[in-house]
Amino acid sequence: MTTPADEVDQLVRESVKWRETDDPDFPYEMNRDQVLWKIRINDFPDEPLYSLMRNGVQMADFDDWPPHWER
């Protein structure tokens, strides 16, 4: 069984092409297997720079953009 953490780890290692949005709080999104993934911009430096959202649920926080992801 795949856990949410496994799903995030796999996504971070994959080549992902994010689509730009018009939403300044969620500037990037992509759909994969009927799942809507979004990148949220947080209140940096008090919080991590980004949050990875899966269908509206926060899955992970990070400061450095994964090298295999394309904006």
N, C-alpha and C. Protein backbone atom coordinates (compact mmCIF):
# COMPACT_ATOMS: atom_id res chain seq x y z
N MET A 1 0.84 -1.18 0.00
CA MET A 1 0.00 0.00 0.00
C MET A 1 0.89 1.25 0.00
N THR A 2 0.54 2.21 -0.84
CA THR A 2 1.29 3.45 -0.92
C THR A 2 0.77 4.44 0.11
N THR A 3 1.66 5.00 0.89
CA THR A 3 1.28 6.01 1.88
C THR A 3 1.38 7.39 1.25
N PRO A 4 0.77 8.40 1.85
CA PRO A 4 0.92 9.76 1.33
C PRO A 4 2.39 10.20 1.28
N ALA A 5 3.18 9.82 2.26
CA ALA A 5 4.60 10.18 2.25
C ALA A 5 5.32 9.53 1.08
N ASP A 6 4.97 8.27 0.77
CA ASP A 6 5.56 7.60 -0.39
C ASP A 6 5.19 8.32 -1.68
N GLU A 7 3.95 8.74 -1.77
CA GLU A 7 3.47 9.44 -2.95
C GLU A 7 4.23 10.75 -3.15
N VAL A 8 4.45 11.49 -2.08
CA VAL A 8 5.21 12.75 -2.16
C VAL A 8 6.66 12.47 -2.53
N ASP A 9 7.28 11.47 -1.90
CA ASP A 9 8.67 11.13 -2.22
C ASP A 9 8.83 10.77 -3.69
N GLN A 10 7.89 10.01 -4.22
CA GLN A 10 7.95 9.63 -5.63
C GLN A 10 7.80 10.86 -6.53
N LEU A 11 6.86 11.73 -6.20
CA LEU A 11 6.62 12.92 -7.01
C LEU A 11 7.85 13.83 -7.03
N VAL A 12 8.52 13.98 -5.91
CA VAL A 12 9.70 14.84 -5.81
C VAL A 12 10.84 14.33 -6.69
N ARG A 13 10.91 13.02 -6.89
CA ARG A 13 11.97 12.43 -7.70
C ARG A 13 11.66 12.40 -9.19
N GLU A 14 10.41 12.65 -9.57
CA GLU A 14 10.00 12.56 -10.97
C GLU A 14 10.14 13.90 -11.69
N SER A 15 10.18 13.82 -13.00
CA SER A 15 10.11 15.02 -13.83
C SER A 15 8.65 15.46 -13.87
N VAL A 16 8.41 16.67 -13.43
CA VAL A 16 7.05 17.20 -13.38
C VAL A 16 7.04 18.55 -14.07
N LYS A 17 6.10 18.74 -14.97
CA LYS A 17 5.92 20.04 -15.61
C LYS A 17 4.69 20.69 -14.99
N TRP A 18 4.94 21.75 -14.22
CA TRP A 18 3.87 22.47 -13.55
C TRP A 18 3.29 23.52 -14.49
N ARG A 19 2.00 23.75 -14.38
CA ARG A 19 1.29 24.75 -15.17
C ARG A 19 1.11 26.01 -14.30
N GLU A 20 1.41 27.16 -14.88
CA GLU A 20 1.21 28.42 -14.14
C GLU A 20 -0.27 28.73 -14.05
N THR A 21 -0.65 29.33 -12.92
CA THR A 21 -2.04 29.76 -12.71
C THR A 21 -2.06 31.28 -12.55
N ASP A 22 -3.25 31.82 -12.40
CA ASP A 22 -3.40 33.26 -12.13
C ASP A 22 -3.56 33.55 -10.64
N ASP A 23 -3.43 32.53 -9.81
CA ASP A 23 -3.61 32.65 -8.37
C ASP A 23 -2.25 32.87 -7.71
N PRO A 24 -2.01 34.05 -7.13
CA PRO A 24 -0.70 34.31 -6.52
C PRO A 24 -0.39 33.43 -5.30
N ASP A 25 -1.41 32.91 -4.63
CA ASP A 25 -1.19 32.03 -3.48
C ASP A 25 -0.88 30.60 -3.91
N PHE A 26 -1.40 30.19 -5.06
CA PHE A 26 -1.18 28.85 -5.63
C PHE A 26 -0.74 29.01 -7.09
N PRO A 27 0.50 29.43 -7.31
CA PRO A 27 0.91 29.81 -8.67
C PRO A 27 1.16 28.65 -9.64
N TYR A 28 1.21 27.40 -9.14
CA TYR A 28 1.47 26.25 -10.01
C TYR A 28 0.53 25.11 -9.65
N GLU A 29 0.14 24.35 -10.70
CA GLU A 29 -0.69 23.18 -10.50
C GLU A 29 -0.44 22.17 -11.60
N MET A 30 -0.86 20.94 -11.35
CA MET A 30 -0.82 19.89 -12.37
C MET A 30 -1.78 18.80 -11.96
N ASN A 31 -2.31 18.11 -12.96
CA ASN A 31 -3.20 16.99 -12.75
C ASN A 31 -2.48 15.71 -13.12
N ARG A 32 -2.63 14.70 -12.27
CA ARG A 32 -2.06 13.38 -12.56
C ARG A 32 -2.97 12.33 -11.93
N ASP A 33 -3.44 11.41 -12.75
CA ASP A 33 -4.29 10.31 -12.28
C ASP A 33 -5.48 10.82 -11.47
N GLN A 34 -6.15 11.85 -11.99
CA GLN A 34 -7.33 12.46 -11.37
C GLN A 34 -7.04 13.08 -10.01
N VAL A 35 -5.79 13.45 -9.79
CA VAL A 35 -5.39 14.14 -8.56
C VAL A 35 -4.90 15.53 -8.95
N LEU A 36 -5.42 16.55 -8.29
CA LEU A 36 -4.98 17.93 -8.53
C LEU A 36 -3.91 18.28 -7.51
N TRP A 37 -2.70 18.48 -7.99
CA TRP A 37 -1.58 18.91 -7.17
C TRP A 37 -1.39 20.40 -7.36
N LYS A 38 -1.14 21.12 -6.27
CA LYS A 38 -0.87 22.56 -6.34
C LYS A 38 0.33 22.89 -5.46
N ILE A 39 0.98 23.98 -5.83
CA ILE A 39 2.06 24.54 -5.02
C ILE A 39 1.53 25.83 -4.39
N ARG A 40 1.61 25.89 -3.07
CA ARG A 40 1.20 27.10 -2.36
C ARG A 40 2.44 27.86 -1.93
N ILE A 41 2.38 29.18 -2.06
CA ILE A 41 3.43 30.07 -1.55
C ILE A 41 3.05 30.45 -0.12
N ASN A 42 3.99 30.25 0.80
CA ASN A 42 3.73 30.52 2.22
C ASN A 42 4.35 31.85 2.65
N ASP A 43 4.22 32.16 3.93
CA ASP A 43 4.74 33.40 4.51
C ASP A 43 6.20 33.19 4.91
N PHE A 44 7.05 33.14 3.91
CA PHE A 44 8.48 32.95 4.10
C PHE A 44 9.09 34.24 4.64
N PRO A 45 9.99 34.26 5.59
CA PRO A 45 10.76 33.18 6.19
C PRO A 45 10.16 32.58 7.46
N ASP A 46 9.00 33.06 7.88
CA ASP A 46 8.38 32.50 9.09
C ASP A 46 7.88 31.07 8.88
N GLU A 47 7.60 30.73 7.63
CA GLU A 47 7.14 29.39 7.26
C GLU A 47 8.01 28.90 6.11
N PRO A 48 7.93 27.61 5.81
CA PRO A 48 8.64 27.14 4.61
C PRO A 48 8.14 27.90 3.37
N LEU A 49 8.98 28.05 2.38
CA LEU A 49 8.62 28.83 1.19
C LEU A 49 7.42 28.25 0.46
N TYR A 50 7.39 26.91 0.28
CA TYR A 50 6.33 26.26 -0.49
C TYR A 50 5.64 25.18 0.32
N SER A 51 4.39 24.92 -0.06
CA SER A 51 3.68 23.73 0.41
C SER A 51 3.16 23.00 -0.81
N LEU A 52 3.23 21.68 -0.77
CA LEU A 52 2.70 20.83 -1.82
C LEU A 52 1.32 20.36 -1.36
N MET A 53 0.32 20.65 -2.18
CA MET A 53 -1.06 20.35 -1.85
C MET A 53 -1.59 19.26 -2.79
N ARG A 54 -2.32 18.31 -2.24
CA ARG A 54 -2.95 17.24 -3.03
C ARG A 54 -4.45 17.30 -2.79
N ASN A 55 -5.19 17.68 -3.85
CA ASN A 55 -6.65 17.82 -3.74
C ASN A 55 -7.03 18.66 -2.52
N GLY A 56 -6.30 19.75 -2.30
CA GLY A 56 -6.62 20.69 -1.24
C GLY A 56 -6.05 20.35 0.13
N VAL A 57 -5.33 19.24 0.24
CA VAL A 57 -4.75 18.83 1.52
C VAL A 57 -3.24 19.03 1.47
N GLN A 58 -2.70 19.70 2.48
CA GLN A 58 -1.26 19.94 2.56
C GLN A 58 -0.54 18.62 2.79
N MET A 59 0.40 18.30 1.88
CA MET A 59 1.12 17.03 1.96
C MET A 59 2.56 17.19 2.42
N ALA A 60 3.19 18.33 2.08
CA ALA A 60 4.61 18.52 2.42
C ALA A 60 4.95 19.99 2.30
N ASP A 61 6.00 20.39 3.00
CA ASP A 61 6.57 21.74 2.92
C ASP A 61 8.00 21.63 2.44
N PHE A 62 8.46 22.64 1.71
CA PHE A 62 9.84 22.65 1.25
C PHE A 62 10.27 24.07 0.91
N ASP A 63 11.58 24.30 0.93
CA ASP A 63 12.15 25.60 0.58
C ASP A 63 12.83 25.57 -0.78
N ASP A 64 13.41 24.43 -1.15
CA ASP A 64 14.15 24.32 -2.41
C ASP A 64 13.31 23.59 -3.44
N TRP A 65 13.21 24.20 -4.62
CA TRP A 65 12.44 23.60 -5.71
C TRP A 65 13.15 22.33 -6.18
N PRO A 66 12.45 21.20 -6.26
CA PRO A 66 13.08 19.96 -6.71
C PRO A 66 13.69 20.11 -8.10
N PRO A 67 14.87 19.56 -8.32
CA PRO A 67 15.58 19.78 -9.57
C PRO A 67 14.90 19.21 -10.81
N HIS A 68 14.03 18.21 -10.64
CA HIS A 68 13.36 17.59 -11.79
C HIS A 68 12.03 18.27 -12.13
N TRP A 69 11.66 19.27 -11.39
CA TRP A 69 10.40 19.96 -11.63
C TRP A 69 10.63 21.16 -12.52
N GLU A 70 9.73 21.34 -13.48
CA GLU A 70 9.81 22.46 -14.42
C GLU A 70 8.68 23.44 -14.15
N ARG A 71 9.06 24.71 -14.00
CA ARG A 71 8.03 25.75 -13.79
C ARG A 71 7.70 26.40 -15.09
